[in-house]
Amino acid sequence: MRRLAPLLALLALSACVATQQADAVAPTAPGFLMGLWHGFIFPVAWVASLFVPKIAVYAVPNNGGWYDFGYFLGIVVFGVGARKSTVVTRNVYRDRGPVIDSTATRID
């Protein structure tokens, strides 16, 4: 029964997933490429949406999964999450004889 409990919980949670009827999507609804673009411009659109009520950060209605996938890629790969982070640490010890200079850089 303990092995069956997580499966039942997952099944119960899957009942809460939002669905969309296929005939409710217009043929001209935004798709993958528009999702990619909207994800890429998300930071600018979000700031602008705070001041201009007609600007939204997510297109509704859209064509569903492909728009969502493009939006995700736009944010994570090409947009906000695409920045490379570099951590540089520099320690200089002057009270221990000669100056020891150590530099560490994060390698992704």
N, C-alpha and C. Protein backbone atom coordinates (compact mmCIF):
# COMPACT_ATOMS: atom_id res chain seq x y z
N MET A 1 0.81 -1.19 0.00
CA MET A 1 0.00 0.00 0.00
C MET A 1 0.86 1.26 0.00
N ARG A 2 2.03 1.20 0.63
CA ARG A 2 2.91 2.36 0.68
C ARG A 2 3.45 2.72 -0.71
N ARG A 3 3.62 1.74 -1.55
CA ARG A 3 4.09 2.01 -2.91
C ARG A 3 2.97 2.57 -3.78
N LEU A 4 1.77 2.25 -3.44
CA LEU A 4 0.62 2.68 -4.22
C LEU A 4 0.20 4.11 -3.86
N ALA A 5 0.52 4.57 -2.66
CA ALA A 5 0.10 5.90 -2.20
C ALA A 5 0.66 7.04 -3.07
N PRO A 6 1.97 7.05 -3.39
CA PRO A 6 2.47 8.13 -4.25
C PRO A 6 1.82 8.11 -5.64
N LEU A 7 1.56 6.93 -6.15
CA LEU A 7 0.92 6.83 -7.46
C LEU A 7 -0.49 7.39 -7.42
N LEU A 8 -1.21 7.09 -6.35
CA LEU A 8 -2.57 7.61 -6.19
C LEU A 8 -2.55 9.13 -6.00
N ALA A 9 -1.57 9.63 -5.26
CA ALA A 9 -1.45 11.08 -5.08
C ALA A 9 -1.14 11.77 -6.41
N LEU A 10 -0.27 11.18 -7.20
CA LEU A 10 0.04 11.73 -8.51
C LEU A 10 -1.17 11.70 -9.43
N LEU A 11 -1.91 10.64 -9.38
CA LEU A 11 -3.13 10.53 -10.16
C LEU A 11 -4.16 11.58 -9.73
N ALA A 12 -4.28 11.80 -8.44
CA ALA A 12 -5.22 12.82 -7.93
C ALA A 12 -4.79 14.22 -8.35
N LEU A 13 -3.48 14.49 -8.32
CA LEU A 13 -2.99 15.80 -8.75
C LEU A 13 -3.16 16.00 -10.25
N SER A 14 -3.06 14.94 -11.03
CA SER A 14 -3.21 15.08 -12.48
C SER A 14 -4.63 15.44 -12.86
N ALA A 15 -5.58 15.19 -11.97
CA ALA A 15 -6.96 15.60 -12.24
C ALA A 15 -7.12 17.11 -12.19
N CYS A 16 -6.17 17.81 -11.59
CA CYS A 16 -6.24 19.26 -11.46
C CYS A 16 -5.59 19.98 -12.65
N VAL A 17 -4.99 19.26 -13.56
CA VAL A 17 -4.30 19.86 -14.69
C VAL A 17 -5.30 20.56 -15.61
N ALA A 18 -4.96 21.77 -16.01
CA ALA A 18 -5.83 22.52 -16.90
C ALA A 18 -5.80 21.91 -18.29
N THR A 19 -6.95 21.85 -18.92
CA THR A 19 -7.05 21.32 -20.28
C THR A 19 -7.70 22.36 -21.18
N GLN A 20 -7.56 22.14 -22.46
CA GLN A 20 -8.11 23.07 -23.44
C GLN A 20 -8.72 22.26 -24.58
N GLN A 21 -9.90 22.63 -24.99
CA GLN A 21 -10.53 21.93 -26.10
C GLN A 21 -9.83 22.32 -27.39
N ALA A 22 -9.64 21.34 -28.25
CA ALA A 22 -8.92 21.59 -29.50
C ALA A 22 -9.67 22.55 -30.41
N ASP A 23 -10.99 22.51 -30.41
CA ASP A 23 -11.75 23.41 -31.29
C ASP A 23 -11.84 24.83 -30.75
N ALA A 24 -11.35 25.06 -29.53
CA ALA A 24 -11.37 26.41 -28.95
C ALA A 24 -10.19 27.25 -29.41
N VAL A 25 -9.20 26.63 -30.04
CA VAL A 25 -8.00 27.34 -30.48
C VAL A 25 -8.18 27.80 -31.91
N ALA A 26 -8.01 29.09 -32.12
CA ALA A 26 -8.11 29.64 -33.46
C ALA A 26 -6.85 29.28 -34.25
N PRO A 27 -6.98 29.11 -35.57
CA PRO A 27 -5.79 28.79 -36.38
C PRO A 27 -4.72 29.88 -36.34
N THR A 28 -5.12 31.10 -36.04
CA THR A 28 -4.15 32.20 -36.00
C THR A 28 -3.62 32.46 -34.59
N ALA A 29 -3.90 31.57 -33.64
CA ALA A 29 -3.43 31.75 -32.27
C ALA A 29 -1.90 31.66 -32.23
N PRO A 30 -1.28 32.41 -31.32
CA PRO A 30 0.18 32.36 -31.22
C PRO A 30 0.68 30.95 -30.96
N GLY A 31 1.77 30.59 -31.64
CA GLY A 31 2.34 29.26 -31.52
C GLY A 31 3.74 29.28 -30.93
N PHE A 32 4.56 28.34 -31.35
CA PHE A 32 5.89 28.16 -30.79
C PHE A 32 6.76 29.41 -30.96
N LEU A 33 6.83 29.97 -32.16
CA LEU A 33 7.72 31.10 -32.40
C LEU A 33 7.30 32.34 -31.62
N MET A 34 5.99 32.58 -31.52
CA MET A 34 5.54 33.71 -30.72
C MET A 34 5.80 33.46 -29.24
N GLY A 35 5.67 32.22 -28.80
CA GLY A 35 6.01 31.88 -27.42
C GLY A 35 7.48 32.11 -27.13
N LEU A 36 8.32 31.75 -28.08
CA LEU A 36 9.76 31.97 -27.95
C LEU A 36 10.06 33.46 -27.83
N TRP A 37 9.40 34.25 -28.69
CA TRP A 37 9.61 35.70 -28.66
C TRP A 37 9.08 36.30 -27.36
N HIS A 38 7.89 35.89 -26.93
CA HIS A 38 7.32 36.42 -25.70
C HIS A 38 8.16 36.04 -24.49
N GLY A 39 8.75 34.86 -24.49
CA GLY A 39 9.64 34.47 -23.41
C GLY A 39 10.92 35.28 -23.41
N PHE A 40 11.43 35.59 -24.58
CA PHE A 40 12.67 36.37 -24.70
C PHE A 40 12.47 37.80 -24.20
N ILE A 41 11.33 38.39 -24.52
CA ILE A 41 11.09 39.78 -24.12
C ILE A 41 10.37 39.88 -22.78
N PHE A 42 10.24 38.78 -22.07
CA PHE A 42 9.51 38.76 -20.79
C PHE A 42 9.95 39.85 -19.82
N PRO A 43 11.24 40.06 -19.55
CA PRO A 43 11.61 41.07 -18.55
C PRO A 43 11.10 42.46 -18.91
N VAL A 44 11.23 42.83 -20.16
CA VAL A 44 10.77 44.15 -20.61
C VAL A 44 9.26 44.22 -20.55
N ALA A 45 8.59 43.19 -21.01
CA ALA A 45 7.12 43.16 -21.00
C ALA A 45 6.58 43.19 -19.58
N TRP A 46 7.25 42.52 -18.67
CA TRP A 46 6.78 42.52 -17.29
C TRP A 46 6.86 43.91 -16.66
N VAL A 47 7.99 44.58 -16.85
CA VAL A 47 8.13 45.93 -16.31
C VAL A 47 7.11 46.86 -16.94
N ALA A 48 6.94 46.76 -18.26
CA ALA A 48 5.97 47.61 -18.94
C ALA A 48 4.55 47.30 -18.50
N SER A 49 4.25 46.04 -18.20
CA SER A 49 2.89 45.67 -17.78
C SER A 49 2.53 46.25 -16.42
N LEU A 50 3.53 46.62 -15.64
CA LEU A 50 3.25 47.25 -14.35
C LEU A 50 2.66 48.65 -14.52
N PHE A 51 2.99 49.31 -15.64
CA PHE A 51 2.56 50.68 -15.86
C PHE A 51 1.50 50.84 -16.94
N VAL A 52 1.45 49.90 -17.88
CA VAL A 52 0.49 49.97 -18.98
C VAL A 52 -0.44 48.77 -18.88
N PRO A 53 -1.73 48.99 -18.59
CA PRO A 53 -2.63 47.86 -18.35
C PRO A 53 -2.91 46.99 -19.58
N LYS A 54 -2.68 47.48 -20.78
CA LYS A 54 -2.97 46.70 -21.98
C LYS A 54 -1.84 45.74 -22.36
N ILE A 55 -0.72 45.81 -21.68
CA ILE A 55 0.42 44.93 -22.00
C ILE A 55 0.34 43.70 -21.10
N ALA A 56 0.46 42.54 -21.72
CA ALA A 56 0.45 41.27 -20.98
C ALA A 56 1.77 40.54 -21.24
N VAL A 57 2.17 39.69 -20.32
CA VAL A 57 3.42 38.95 -20.49
C VAL A 57 3.19 37.57 -21.10
N TYR A 58 1.93 37.19 -21.29
CA TYR A 58 1.60 35.85 -21.79
C TYR A 58 0.39 35.98 -22.69
N ALA A 59 0.46 35.43 -23.90
CA ALA A 59 -0.65 35.55 -24.86
C ALA A 59 -1.75 34.54 -24.56
N VAL A 60 -2.96 35.04 -24.39
CA VAL A 60 -4.13 34.19 -24.19
C VAL A 60 -5.19 34.65 -25.17
N PRO A 61 -5.76 33.82 -25.98
CA PRO A 61 -5.52 32.38 -26.12
C PRO A 61 -4.27 32.11 -26.96
N ASN A 62 -3.71 30.94 -26.78
CA ASN A 62 -2.57 30.49 -27.59
C ASN A 62 -2.86 29.06 -28.01
N ASN A 63 -1.92 28.46 -28.75
CA ASN A 63 -2.21 27.11 -29.26
C ASN A 63 -1.82 26.00 -28.30
N GLY A 64 -1.52 26.33 -27.07
CA GLY A 64 -1.32 25.29 -26.05
C GLY A 64 0.13 24.95 -25.80
N GLY A 65 0.44 23.66 -25.89
CA GLY A 65 1.74 23.14 -25.50
C GLY A 65 2.92 23.72 -26.25
N TRP A 66 2.78 23.94 -27.55
CA TRP A 66 3.89 24.48 -28.32
C TRP A 66 4.20 25.92 -27.93
N TYR A 67 3.17 26.71 -27.67
CA TYR A 67 3.39 28.08 -27.20
C TYR A 67 4.09 28.05 -25.84
N ASP A 68 3.61 27.19 -24.95
CA ASP A 68 4.22 27.08 -23.62
C ASP A 68 5.68 26.66 -23.70
N PHE A 69 5.97 25.71 -24.59
CA PHE A 69 7.36 25.25 -24.76
C PHE A 69 8.24 26.37 -25.29
N GLY A 70 7.75 27.11 -26.27
CA GLY A 70 8.51 28.25 -26.79
C GLY A 70 8.71 29.32 -25.73
N TYR A 71 7.69 29.58 -24.93
CA TYR A 71 7.77 30.57 -23.86
C TYR A 71 8.83 30.15 -22.84
N PHE A 72 8.81 28.88 -22.48
CA PHE A 72 9.79 28.35 -21.54
C PHE A 72 11.21 28.49 -22.09
N LEU A 73 11.41 28.09 -23.34
CA LEU A 73 12.74 28.21 -23.95
C LEU A 73 13.16 29.67 -24.05
N GLY A 74 12.22 30.54 -24.39
CA GLY A 74 12.54 31.96 -24.49
C GLY A 74 13.04 32.53 -23.18
N ILE A 75 12.42 32.15 -22.09
CA ILE A 75 12.84 32.67 -20.79
C ILE A 75 14.13 32.00 -20.32
N VAL A 76 14.18 30.69 -20.35
CA VAL A 76 15.29 29.96 -19.73
C VAL A 76 16.55 29.95 -20.60
N VAL A 77 16.40 29.70 -21.88
CA VAL A 77 17.58 29.52 -22.73
C VAL A 77 18.05 30.83 -23.34
N PHE A 78 17.13 31.61 -23.88
CA PHE A 78 17.53 32.81 -24.62
C PHE A 78 17.34 34.10 -23.84
N GLY A 79 16.53 34.09 -22.80
CA GLY A 79 16.20 35.32 -22.10
C GLY A 79 16.91 35.46 -20.77
N VAL A 80 16.13 35.56 -19.72
CA VAL A 80 16.63 35.84 -18.38
C VAL A 80 17.61 34.77 -17.89
N GLY A 81 17.32 33.51 -18.12
CA GLY A 81 18.16 32.44 -17.61
C GLY A 81 19.41 32.18 -18.43
N ALA A 82 19.62 32.93 -19.51
CA ALA A 82 20.74 32.67 -20.41
C ALA A 82 22.03 33.33 -19.95
N ARG A 83 21.97 34.17 -18.95
CA ARG A 83 23.18 34.85 -18.51
C ARG A 83 24.15 33.88 -17.86
N LYS A 84 25.40 34.02 -18.20
CA LYS A 84 26.42 33.20 -17.55
C LYS A 84 26.88 33.93 -16.30
N SER A 85 26.95 33.20 -15.22
CA SER A 85 27.39 33.82 -13.98
C SER A 85 28.85 33.43 -13.73
N THR A 86 29.61 34.41 -13.34
CA THR A 86 31.00 34.18 -13.02
C THR A 86 31.25 34.68 -11.61
N VAL A 87 31.77 33.82 -10.78
CA VAL A 87 32.07 34.20 -9.41
C VAL A 87 33.58 34.33 -9.29
N VAL A 88 34.02 35.51 -8.92
CA VAL A 88 35.45 35.75 -8.75
C VAL A 88 35.69 36.09 -7.29
N THR A 89 36.58 35.33 -6.68
CA THR A 89 36.92 35.57 -5.28
C THR A 89 38.40 35.89 -5.21
N ARG A 90 38.72 36.94 -4.52
CA ARG A 90 40.12 37.33 -4.40
C ARG A 90 40.45 37.52 -2.93
N ASN A 91 41.41 36.75 -2.45
CA ASN A 91 41.87 36.84 -1.06
C ASN A 91 43.31 37.29 -1.06
N VAL A 92 43.61 38.32 -0.31
CA VAL A 92 44.99 38.80 -0.18
C VAL A 92 45.34 38.80 1.30
N TYR A 93 46.38 38.04 1.64
CA TYR A 93 46.83 37.96 3.01
C TYR A 93 48.15 38.70 3.12
N ARG A 94 48.17 39.80 3.86
CA ARG A 94 49.38 40.61 3.97
C ARG A 94 50.15 40.35 5.27
N ASP A 95 49.50 39.77 6.26
CA ASP A 95 50.16 39.59 7.54
C ASP A 95 50.90 38.26 7.66
N ARG A 96 50.98 37.49 6.63
CA ARG A 96 51.60 36.17 6.69
C ARG A 96 52.83 36.08 5.79
N GLY A 97 53.63 37.06 5.83
CA GLY A 97 54.83 37.01 5.02
C GLY A 97 54.57 37.58 3.64
N PRO A 98 55.01 36.87 2.57
CA PRO A 98 54.78 37.38 1.23
C PRO A 98 53.28 37.39 0.89
N VAL A 99 52.91 38.26 -0.01
CA VAL A 99 51.51 38.40 -0.42
C VAL A 99 51.07 37.16 -1.19
N ILE A 100 49.98 36.56 -0.74
CA ILE A 100 49.41 35.41 -1.42
C ILE A 100 48.13 35.88 -2.09
N ASP A 101 48.07 35.75 -3.38
CA ASP A 101 46.90 36.20 -4.14
C ASP A 101 46.24 34.97 -4.77
N SER A 102 45.05 34.65 -4.31
CA SER A 102 44.35 33.49 -4.87
C SER A 102 43.08 33.96 -5.55
N THR A 103 42.85 33.46 -6.73
CA THR A 103 41.67 33.83 -7.50
C THR A 103 40.93 32.54 -7.89
N ALA A 104 39.63 32.53 -7.64
CA ALA A 104 38.81 31.37 -7.99
C ALA A 104 37.74 31.83 -8.97
N THR A 105 37.53 31.05 -10.01
CA THR A 105 36.50 31.35 -10.99
C THR A 105 35.63 30.15 -11.16
N ARG A 106 34.31 30.37 -11.17
CA ARG A 106 33.37 29.29 -11.37
C ARG A 106 33.40 28.87 -12.84
N ILE A 107 33.48 27.59 -13.06
CA ILE A 107 33.47 27.05 -14.42
C ILE A 107 32.15 26.29 -14.60
N ASP A 108 31.33 26.75 -15.54
CA ASP A 108 30.03 26.12 -15.77
C ASP A 108 30.14 24.99 -16.76
